[in-house]
Protein backbone atom coordinates (compact mmCIF):
# COMPACT_ATOMS: atom_id res chain seq x y z
CA UNK A 1 1.04 -4.49 15.45
CA UNK A 2 -0.01 -4.45 12.21
CA UNK A 3 0.17 -6.86 9.19
CA UNK A 4 -0.07 -6.81 5.72
CA UNK A 5 -0.99 -10.66 4.02
CA UNK A 6 -2.64 -12.27 0.91
CA UNK A 7 -5.50 -13.20 0.73
CA UNK A 8 -8.48 -14.82 -1.37
CA UNK A 9 -11.85 -14.33 -0.93
CA UNK A 10 -14.12 -18.04 -1.84
CA UNK A 11 -17.18 -18.81 -0.61
CA UNK A 12 -17.84 -15.61 1.64
CA UNK A 13 -14.49 -16.23 3.57
CA UNK A 14 -10.82 -14.93 3.16
CA UNK A 15 -8.04 -17.06 3.39
CA UNK A 16 -4.87 -15.92 3.80
CA UNK A 17 -2.34 -17.34 0.80
CA UNK A 18 0.28 -18.15 4.16
CA UNK A 19 0.18 -18.50 7.24
CA UNK A 20 -0.59 -15.76 9.79
CA UNK A 21 1.80 -15.33 12.83
CA UNK A 22 0.80 -13.72 16.09
CA UNK A 23 -2.56 -13.84 15.82
CA UNK A 24 -4.76 -15.61 18.06
CA UNK A 25 -7.40 -18.45 17.25
CA UNK A 26 -10.97 -16.44 17.12
CA UNK A 27 -9.07 -13.08 17.36
CA UNK A 28 -11.31 -10.12 16.13
CA UNK A 29 -9.00 -8.17 13.52
CA UNK A 30 -10.02 -5.20 11.21
CA UNK A 31 -9.51 -5.65 6.95
CA UNK A 32 -8.67 -3.36 4.84
CA UNK A 33 -9.66 -5.06 1.50
CA UNK A 34 -7.03 -3.94 -1.43
CA UNK A 35 -7.80 -5.88 -4.53
CA UNK A 36 -4.50 -6.66 -5.84
CA UNK A 37 -5.83 -5.27 -9.16
CA UNK A 38 -6.10 -2.12 -8.31
CA UNK A 39 -3.04 -1.99 -6.61
CA UNK A 40 -1.41 -3.17 -10.42
CA UNK A 41 -3.34 -0.27 -12.47
CA UNK A 42 -2.20 2.54 -9.62
CA UNK A 43 1.20 0.55 -10.02
CA UNK A 44 0.61 0.91 -14.12
CA UNK A 45 -0.97 4.54 -14.48
CA UNK A 46 1.49 6.49 -12.06
CA UNK A 47 3.54 9.52 -13.02
CA UNK A 48 6.97 8.66 -13.87
CA UNK A 49 9.35 11.54 -13.70
CA UNK A 50 12.93 11.98 -14.23
CA UNK A 51 14.50 11.53 -11.64
CA UNK A 52 16.95 14.18 -11.19
CA UNK A 53 14.05 16.79 -12.42
CA UNK A 54 12.55 15.41 -9.32
CA UNK A 55 15.58 15.35 -6.73
CA UNK A 56 16.12 20.06 -8.17
CA UNK A 57 12.25 20.08 -7.40
CA UNK A 58 12.66 18.39 -3.66
CA UNK A 59 15.41 20.58 -3.20
CA UNK A 60 14.80 23.73 -5.05
CA UNK A 61 13.29 26.29 -1.50
CA UNK A 62 10.83 27.44 -4.52
CA UNK A 63 8.36 24.31 -3.41
CA UNK A 64 9.34 25.15 0.22
CA UNK A 65 6.45 25.14 2.54
CA UNK A 66 8.38 27.37 5.03
CA UNK A 67 8.27 29.55 2.58
CA UNK A 68 4.81 29.49 1.98
């Protein structure tokens, strides 16, 4: 099972912003932390392409891994 939650880091402790289901009290978990500021920066700076051109590239045999 894997879930993604938002939390705040406060006084050396990660505190979930919403209740966390299916995890027992004192259960060890493994956290992967990505600050939301990093995610927002990636969203703002991702490449924005023309959807029709992207579809054309995706459908083209020229870029097929099978043709390599």
